[in-house]
PDB file of all heavy atoms in Angstrom:
ATOM      1  N   LYS A   1     114.390  86.759 104.157  1.00  0.00           N
ATOM      2  CA  LYS A   1     113.279  86.167 103.433  1.00  0.00           C
ATOM      3  C   LYS A   1     113.112  86.875 102.093  1.00  0.00           C
ATOM      4  O   LYS A   1     113.518  88.028 101.945  1.00  0.00           O
ATOM      5  CB  LYS A   1     111.982  86.302 104.244  1.00  0.00           C
ATOM      6  CG  LYS A   1     112.059  85.741 105.648  1.00  0.00           C
ATOM      7  CD  LYS A   1     110.800  86.077 106.433  1.00  0.00           C
ATOM      8  CE  LYS A   1     110.881  85.564 107.852  1.00  0.00           C
ATOM      9  NZ  LYS A   1     109.661  85.923 108.632  1.00  0.00           N
ATOM     10  N   PRO A   2     112.496  86.217 101.121  1.00  0.00           N
ATOM     11  CA  PRO A   2     112.275  86.894  99.838  1.00  0.00           C
ATOM     12  C   PRO A   2     111.538  88.222  99.982  1.00  0.00           C
ATOM     13  O   PRO A   2     111.814  89.154  99.214  1.00  0.00           O
ATOM     14  CB  PRO A   2     111.446  85.879  99.055  1.00  0.00           C
ATOM     15  CG  PRO A   2     111.897  84.565  99.592  1.00  0.00           C
ATOM     16  CD  PRO A   2     112.120  84.803 101.061  1.00  0.00           C
ATOM     17  N   GLU A   3     110.633  88.330 100.941  1.00  0.00           N
ATOM     18  CA  GLU A   3     109.910  89.574 101.124  1.00  0.00           C
ATOM     19  C   GLU A   3     110.765  90.705 101.674  1.00  0.00           C
ATOM     20  O   GLU A   3     110.309  91.847 101.750  1.00  0.00           O
ATOM     21  CB  GLU A   3     108.682  89.367 102.024  1.00  0.00           C
ATOM     22  CG  GLU A   3     108.988  88.665 103.331  1.00  0.00           C
ATOM     23  CD  GLU A   3     108.703  87.172 103.277  1.00  0.00           C
ATOM     24  OE1 GLU A   3     109.078  86.528 102.275  1.00  0.00           O
ATOM     25  OE2 GLU A   3     108.102  86.650 104.239  1.00  0.00           O
ATOM     26  N   ASP A   4     112.003  90.409 102.064  1.00  0.00           N
ATOM     27  CA  ASP A   4     112.940  91.450 102.460  1.00  0.00           C
ATOM     28  C   ASP A   4     113.582  92.132 101.259  1.00  0.00           C
ATOM     29  O   ASP A   4     114.314  93.112 101.429  1.00  0.00           O
ATOM     30  CB  ASP A   4     114.039  90.880 103.356  1.00  0.00           C
ATOM     31  CG  ASP A   4     113.506  90.381 104.688  1.00  0.00           C
ATOM     32  OD1 ASP A   4     112.656  91.060 105.290  1.00  0.00           O
ATOM     33  OD2 ASP A   4     113.958  89.299 105.133  1.00  0.00           O
ATOM     34  N   THR A   5     113.358  91.624 100.077  1.00  0.00           N
ATOM     35  CA  THR A   5     113.922  92.215  98.867  1.00  0.00           C
ATOM     36  C   THR A   5     113.428  93.649  98.703  1.00  0.00           C
ATOM     37  O   THR A   5     112.227  93.902  98.673  1.00  0.00           O
ATOM     38  CB  THR A   5     113.549  91.387  97.639  1.00  0.00           C
ATOM     39  OG1 THR A   5     114.136  90.083  97.750  1.00  0.00           O
ATOM     40  CG2 THR A   5     114.049  92.050  96.363  1.00  0.00           C
ATOM     41  N   ALA A   6     114.362  94.580  98.603  1.00  0.00           N
ATOM     42  CA  ALA A   6     114.017  95.997  98.517  1.00  0.00           C
ATOM     43  C   ALA A   6     115.290  96.804  98.363  1.00  0.00           C
ATOM     44  O   ALA A   6     116.399  96.287  98.513  1.00  0.00           O
ATOM     45  CB  ALA A   6     113.267  96.453  99.773  1.00  0.00           C
ATOM     46  N   ILE A   7     115.125  98.077  98.073  1.00  0.00           N
ATOM     47  CA  ILE A   7     116.219  99.018  98.212  1.00  0.00           C
ATOM     48  C   ILE A   7     116.197  99.526  99.645  1.00  0.00           C
ATOM     49  O   ILE A   7     115.160  99.973 100.136  1.00  0.00           O
ATOM     50  CB  ILE A   7     116.099 100.192  97.227  1.00  0.00           C
ATOM     51  CG1 ILE A   7     116.104  99.685  95.787  1.00  0.00           C
ATOM     52  CG2 ILE A   7     117.250 101.174  97.427  1.00  0.00           C
ATOM     53  CD1 ILE A   7     115.862 100.771  94.755  1.00  0.00           C
ATOM     54  N   TYR A   8     117.333  99.460 100.295  1.00  0.00           N
ATOM     55  CA  TYR A   8     117.450  99.879 101.681  1.00  0.00           C
ATOM     56  C   TYR A   8     118.155 101.227 101.755  1.00  0.00           C
ATOM     57  O   TYR A   8     119.222 101.418 101.164  1.00  0.00           O
ATOM     58  CB  TYR A   8     118.216  98.839 102.501  1.00  0.00           C
ATOM     59  CG  TYR A   8     117.380  97.627 102.833  1.00  0.00           C
ATOM     60  CD1 TYR A   8     117.033  96.717 101.840  1.00  0.00           C
ATOM     61  CD2 TYR A   8     116.922  97.398 104.126  1.00  0.00           C
ATOM     62  CE1 TYR A   8     116.246  95.613 102.130  1.00  0.00           C
ATOM     63  CE2 TYR A   8     116.146  96.303 104.427  1.00  0.00           C
ATOM     64  CZ  TYR A   8     115.804  95.409 103.429  1.00  0.00           C
ATOM     65  OH  TYR A   8     115.025  94.315 103.726  1.00  0.00           O
ATOM     66  N   TYR A   9     117.553 102.144 102.474  1.00  0.00           N
ATOM     67  CA  TYR A   9     118.062 103.498 102.614  1.00  0.00           C
ATOM     68  C   TYR A   9     118.365 103.799 104.077  1.00  0.00           C
ATOM     69  O   TYR A   9     117.680 103.310 104.974  1.00  0.00           O
ATOM     70  CB  TYR A   9     117.028 104.532 102.151  1.00  0.00           C
ATOM     71  CG  TYR A   9     116.586 104.403 100.718  1.00  0.00           C
ATOM     72  CD1 TYR A   9     115.498 103.610 100.375  1.00  0.00           C
ATOM     73  CD2 TYR A   9     117.238 105.100  99.711  1.00  0.00           C
ATOM     74  CE1 TYR A   9     115.071 103.503  99.063  1.00  0.00           C
ATOM     75  CE2 TYR A   9     116.821 105.004  98.394  1.00  0.00           C
ATOM     76  CZ  TYR A   9     115.735 104.205  98.076  1.00  0.00           C
ATOM     77  OH  TYR A   9     115.316 104.111  96.771  1.00  0.00           O
ATOM     78  N   CYS A  10     119.353 104.639 104.302  1.00  0.00           N
ATOM     79  CA  CYS A  10     119.512 105.215 105.622  1.00  0.00           C
ATOM     80  C   CYS A  10     119.178 106.696 105.558  1.00  0.00           C
ATOM     81  O   CYS A  10     119.282 107.341 104.512  1.00  0.00           O
ATOM     82  CB  CYS A  10     120.915 104.986 106.201  1.00  0.00           C
ATOM     83  SG  CYS A  10     122.275 105.771 105.313  1.00  0.00           S
ATOM     84  N   ALA A  11     118.753 107.219 106.680  1.00  0.00           N
ATOM     85  CA  ALA A  11     118.387 108.621 106.795  1.00  0.00           C
ATOM     86  C   ALA A  11     118.800 109.120 108.174  1.00  0.00           C
ATOM     87  O   ALA A  11     118.893 108.341 109.126  1.00  0.00           O
ATOM     88  CB  ALA A  11     116.886 108.810 106.587  1.00  0.00           C
ATOM     89  N   ALA A  12     119.025 110.413 108.265  1.00  0.00           N
ATOM     90  CA  ALA A  12     119.419 111.028 109.526  1.00  0.00           C
ATOM     91  C   ALA A  12     118.511 112.199 109.843  1.00  0.00           C
ATOM     92  O   ALA A  12     118.002 112.873 108.942  1.00  0.00           O
ATOM     93  CB  ALA A  12     120.874 111.490 109.479  1.00  0.00           C
ATOM     94  N   ASP A  13     118.324 112.439 111.119  1.00  0.00           N
ATOM     95  CA  ASP A  13     117.453 113.513 111.571  1.00  0.00           C
ATOM     96  C   ASP A  13     118.074 114.187 112.772  1.00  0.00           C
ATOM     97  O   ASP A  13     118.518 113.514 113.702  1.00  0.00           O
ATOM     98  CB  ASP A  13     116.067 112.965 111.924  1.00  0.00           C
ATOM     99  CG  ASP A  13     115.039 114.058 112.114  1.00  0.00           C
ATOM    100  OD1 ASP A  13     115.040 114.693 113.192  1.00  0.00           O
ATOM    101  OD2 ASP A  13     114.239 114.281 111.192  1.00  0.00           O
ATOM    102  N   SER A  14     118.083 115.515 112.757  1.00  0.00           N
ATOM    103  CA  SER A  14     118.746 116.279 113.803  1.00  0.00           C
ATOM    104  C   SER A  14     117.942 116.373 115.091  1.00  0.00           C
ATOM    105  O   SER A  14     118.440 116.919 116.075  1.00  0.00           O
ATOM    106  CB  SER A  14     119.086 117.685 113.307  1.00  0.00           C
ATOM    107  OG  SER A  14     117.921 118.397 112.941  1.00  0.00           O
ATOM    108  N   GLN A  15     116.721 115.863 115.106  1.00  0.00           N
ATOM    109  CA  GLN A  15     115.953 115.893 116.344  1.00  0.00           C
ATOM    110  C   GLN A  15     116.465 114.886 117.364  1.00  0.00           C
ATOM    111  O   GLN A  15     116.106 114.965 118.525  1.00  0.00           O
ATOM    112  CB  GLN A  15     114.464 115.670 116.063  1.00  0.00           C
ATOM    113  CG  GLN A  15     113.833 116.846 115.336  1.00  0.00           C
ATOM    114  CD  GLN A  15     112.338 116.733 115.220  1.00  0.00           C
ATOM    115  OE1 GLN A  15     111.824 115.845 114.556  1.00  0.00           O
ATOM    116  NE2 GLN A  15     111.639 117.640 115.888  1.00  0.00           N
ATOM    117  N   SER A  16     117.250 113.934 116.906  1.00  0.00           N
ATOM    118  CA  SER A  16     118.083 113.056 117.735  1.00  0.00           C
ATOM    119  C   SER A  16     117.358 111.962 118.507  1.00  0.00           C
ATOM    120  O   SER A  16     118.014 111.111 119.107  1.00  0.00           O
ATOM    121  CB  SER A  16     118.948 113.870 118.711  1.00  0.00           C
ATOM    122  OG  SER A  16     118.211 114.317 119.834  1.00  0.00           O
ATOM    123  N   VAL A  17     116.049 111.959 118.497  1.00  0.00           N
ATOM    124  CA  VAL A  17     115.286 110.916 119.169  1.00  0.00           C
ATOM    125  C   VAL A  17     114.387 110.264 118.133  1.00  0.00           C
ATOM    126  O   VAL A  17     113.564 110.931 117.503  1.00  0.00           O
ATOM    127  CB  VAL A  17     114.460 111.469 120.335  1.00  0.00           C
ATOM    128  CG1 VAL A  17     113.643 110.362 120.992  1.00  0.00           C
ATOM    129  CG2 VAL A  17     115.374 112.142 121.359  1.00  0.00           C
ATOM    130  N   CYS A  18     114.511 108.973 117.959  1.00  0.00           N
ATOM    131  CA  CYS A  18     113.817 108.289 116.880  1.00  0.00           C
ATOM    132  C   CYS A  18     112.309 108.511 116.839  1.00  0.00           C
ATOM    133  O   CYS A  18     111.766 108.748 115.756  1.00  0.00           O
ATOM    134  CB  CYS A  18     114.120 106.784 116.926  1.00  0.00           C
ATOM    135  SG  CYS A  18     115.822 106.366 116.476  1.00  0.00           S
ATOM    136  N   PRO A  19     111.596 108.419 117.946  1.00  0.00           N
ATOM    137  CA  PRO A  19     110.132 108.539 117.860  1.00  0.00           C
ATOM    138  C   PRO A  19     109.617 109.869 117.346  1.00  0.00           C
ATOM    139  O   PRO A  19     108.469 109.929 116.896  1.00  0.00           O
ATOM    140  CB  PRO A  19     109.684 108.304 119.310  1.00  0.00           C
ATOM    141  CG  PRO A  19     110.782 107.501 119.920  1.00  0.00           C
ATOM    142  CD  PRO A  19     112.035 108.051 119.298  1.00  0.00           C
ATOM    143  N   ILE A  20     110.413 110.930 117.392  1.00  0.00           N
ATOM    144  CA  ILE A  20     109.950 112.231 116.922  1.00  0.00           C
ATOM    145  C   ILE A  20     110.672 112.694 115.671  1.00  0.00           C
ATOM    146  O   ILE A  20     110.480 113.833 115.225  1.00  0.00           O
ATOM    147  CB  ILE A  20     110.067 113.306 118.023  1.00  0.00           C
ATOM    148  CG1 ILE A  20     111.522 113.517 118.441  1.00  0.00           C
ATOM    149  CG2 ILE A  20     109.210 112.924 119.229  1.00  0.00           C
ATOM    150  CD1 ILE A  20     111.711 114.698 119.376  1.00  0.00           C
ATOM    151  N   ALA A  21     111.497 111.864 115.093  1.00  0.00           N
ATOM    152  CA  ALA A  21     112.200 112.232 113.867  1.00  0.00           C
ATOM    153  C   ALA A  21     111.215 112.423 112.724  1.00  0.00           C
ATOM    154  O   ALA A  21     110.217 111.697 112.612  1.00  0.00           O
ATOM    155  CB  ALA A  21     113.223 111.167 113.516  1.00  0.00           C
ATOM    156  N   THR A  22     111.489 113.383 111.862  1.00  0.00           N
ATOM    157  CA  THR A  22     110.638 113.662 110.710  1.00  0.00           C
ATOM    158  C   THR A  22     111.231 113.160 109.399  1.00  0.00           C
ATOM    159  O   THR A  22     110.519 113.080 108.392  1.00  0.00           O
ATOM    160  CB  THR A  22     110.375 115.165 110.578  1.00  0.00           C
ATOM    161  OG1 THR A  22     111.618 115.856 110.400  1.00  0.00           O
ATOM    162  CG2 THR A  22     109.680 115.706 111.820  1.00  0.00           C
ATOM    163  N   TRP A  23     112.502 112.846 109.396  1.00  0.00           N
ATOM    164  CA  TRP A  23     113.186 112.274 108.230  1.00  0.00           C
ATOM    165  C   TRP A  23     113.071 113.152 106.992  1.00  0.00           C
ATOM    166  O   TRP A  23     112.834 112.654 105.875  1.00  0.00           O
ATOM    167  CB  TRP A  23     112.675 110.857 107.955  1.00  0.00           C
ATOM    168  CG  TRP A  23     112.697 109.981 109.167  1.00  0.00           C
ATOM    169  CD1 TRP A  23     111.633 109.427 109.810  1.00  0.00           C
ATOM    170  CD2 TRP A  23     113.857 109.577 109.909  1.00  0.00           C
ATOM    171  NE1 TRP A  23     112.054 108.695 110.901  1.00  0.00           N
ATOM    172  CE2 TRP A  23     113.422 108.777 110.982  1.00  0.00           C
ATOM    173  CE3 TRP A  23     115.227 109.811 109.770  1.00  0.00           C
ATOM    174  CZ2 TRP A  23     114.298 108.207 111.918  1.00  0.00           C
ATOM    175  CZ3 TRP A  23     116.101 109.252 110.702  1.00  0.00           C
ATOM    176  CH2 TRP A  23     115.630 108.462 111.753  1.00  0.00           C
ATOM    177  N   ARG A  24     113.239 114.422 107.169  1.00  0.00           N
ATOM    178  CA  ARG A  24     113.166 115.371 106.067  1.00  0.00           C
ATOM    179  C   ARG A  24     114.519 115.919 105.651  1.00  0.00           C
ATOM    180  O   ARG A  24     114.597 116.670 104.680  1.00  0.00           O
ATOM    181  CB  ARG A  24     112.254 116.540 106.437  1.00  0.00           C
ATOM    182  CG  ARG A  24     110.801 116.159 106.677  1.00  0.00           C
ATOM    183  CD  ARG A  24     109.984 117.375 107.071  1.00  0.00           C
ATOM    184  NE  ARG A  24     108.581 117.050 107.291  1.00  0.00           N
ATOM    185  CZ  ARG A  24     107.665 117.923 107.666  1.00  0.00           C
ATOM    186  NH1 ARG A  24     107.994 119.195 107.869  1.00  0.00           N
ATOM    187  NH2 ARG A  24     106.411 117.534 107.843  1.00  0.00           N
ATOM    188  N   GLU A  25     115.556 115.566 106.355  1.00  0.00           N
ATOM    189  CA  GLU A  25     116.819 116.269 106.183  1.00  0.00           C
ATOM    190  C   GLU A  25     117.845 115.555 105.311  1.00  0.00           C
ATOM    191  O   GLU A  25     118.331 116.118 104.331  1.00  0.00           O
ATOM    192  CB  GLU A  25     117.437 116.558 107.565  1.00  0.00           C
ATOM    193  CG  GLU A  25     116.569 117.455 108.433  1.00  0.00           C
ATOM    194  CD  GLU A  25     117.143 117.642 109.815  1.00  0.00           C
ATOM    195  OE1 GLU A  25     118.191 118.318 109.936  1.00  0.00           O
ATOM    196  OE2 GLU A  25     116.563 117.113 110.787  1.00  0.00           O
ATOM    197  N   TYR A  26     118.191 114.329 105.662  1.00  0.00           N
ATOM    198  CA  TYR A  26     119.312 113.656 105.013  1.00  0.00           C
ATOM    199  C   TYR A  26     118.942 112.226 104.646  1.00  0.00           C
ATOM    200  O   TYR A  26     118.470 111.458 105.490  1.00  0.00           O
ATOM    201  CB  TYR A  26     120.536 113.635 105.932  1.00  0.00           C
ATOM    202  CG  TYR A  26     120.874 114.977 106.539  1.00  0.00           C
ATOM    203  CD1 TYR A  26     120.699 115.213 107.895  1.00  0.00           C
ATOM    204  CD2 TYR A  26     121.369 116.008 105.748  1.00  0.00           C
ATOM    205  CE1 TYR A  26     121.010 116.437 108.454  1.00  0.00           C
ATOM    206  CE2 TYR A  26     121.673 117.239 106.299  1.00  0.00           C
ATOM    207  CZ  TYR A  26     121.498 117.450 107.652  1.00  0.00           C
ATOM    208  OH  TYR A  26     121.799 118.675 108.209  1.00  0.00           O
ATOM    209  N   TRP A  27     119.199 111.871 103.391  1.00  0.00           N
ATOM    210  CA  TRP A  27     118.948 110.530 102.875  1.00  0.00           C
ATOM    211  C   TRP A  27     120.100 110.074 101.997  1.00  0.00           C
ATOM    212  O   TRP A  27     120.693 110.874 101.278  1.00  0.00           O
ATOM    213  CB  TRP A  27     117.658 110.488 102.054  1.00  0.00           C
ATOM    214  CG  TRP A  27     116.416 110.545 102.868  1.00  0.00           C
ATOM    215  CD1 TRP A  27     115.793 111.659 103.342  1.00  0.00           C
ATOM    216  CD2 TRP A  27     115.633 109.423 103.298  1.00  0.00           C
ATOM    217  NE1 TRP A  27     114.665 111.301 104.048  1.00  0.00           N
ATOM    218  CE2 TRP A  27     114.544 109.944 104.033  1.00  0.00           C
ATOM    219  CE3 TRP A  27     115.744 108.045 103.130  1.00  0.00           C
ATOM    220  CZ2 TRP A  27     113.573 109.108 104.604  1.00  0.00           C
ATOM    221  CZ3 TRP A  27     114.779 107.225 103.693  1.00  0.00           C
ATOM    222  CH2 TRP A  27     113.712 107.770 104.421  1.00  0.00           C
ATOM    223  N   GLY A  28     120.387 108.788 102.055  1.00  0.00           N
ATOM    224  CA  GLY A  28     121.337 108.202 101.134  1.00  0.00           C
ATOM    225  C   GLY A  28     120.662 107.780  99.842  1.00  0.00           C
ATOM    226  O   GLY A  28     119.451 107.954  99.651  1.00  0.00           O
ATOM    227  N   GLN A  29     121.440 107.200  98.937  1.00  0.00           N
ATOM    228  CA  GLN A  29     120.932 106.784  97.633  1.00  0.00           C
ATOM    229  C   GLN A  29     120.407 105.358  97.617  1.00  0.00           C
ATOM    230  O   GLN A  29     119.761 104.952  96.654  1.00  0.00           O
ATOM    231  CB  GLN A  29     122.020 106.951  96.572  1.00  0.00           C
ATOM    232  CG  GLN A  29     122.434 108.396  96.343  1.00  0.00           C
ATOM    233  CD  GLN A  29     121.272 109.256  95.893  1.00  0.00           C
ATOM    234  OE1 GLN A  29     120.583 108.932  94.913  1.00  0.00           O
ATOM    235  NE2 GLN A  29     121.028 110.352  96.604  1.00  0.00           N
ATOM    236  N   GLY A  30     120.690 104.599  98.647  1.00  0.00           N
ATOM    237  CA  GLY A  30     120.154 103.260  98.769  1.00  0.00           C
ATOM    238  C   GLY A  30     121.105 102.175  98.309  1.00  0.00           C
ATOM    239  O   GLY A  30     122.022 102.408  97.519  1.00  0.00           O
ATOM    240  N   THR A  31     120.870 100.979  98.807  1.00  0.00           N
ATOM    241  CA  THR A  31     121.608  99.794  98.385  1.00  0.00           C
ATOM    242  C   THR A  31     120.609  98.656  98.196  1.00  0.00           C
ATOM    243  O   THR A  31     119.720  98.454  99.014  1.00  0.00           O
ATOM    244  CB  THR A  31     122.711  99.431  99.400  1.00  0.00           C
ATOM    245  OG1 THR A  31     123.480  98.329  98.914  1.00  0.00           O
ATOM    246  CG2 THR A  31     122.134  99.081 100.769  1.00  0.00           C
TER     247      THR A  31
END
């Protein structure tokens, strides 16, 4: 949808479980 227009980023977290990830460690530059 048009509202999906955005820069999309991926990120990684060493805590390994999504609900407790803090997303402070690794980020890409986006697409």
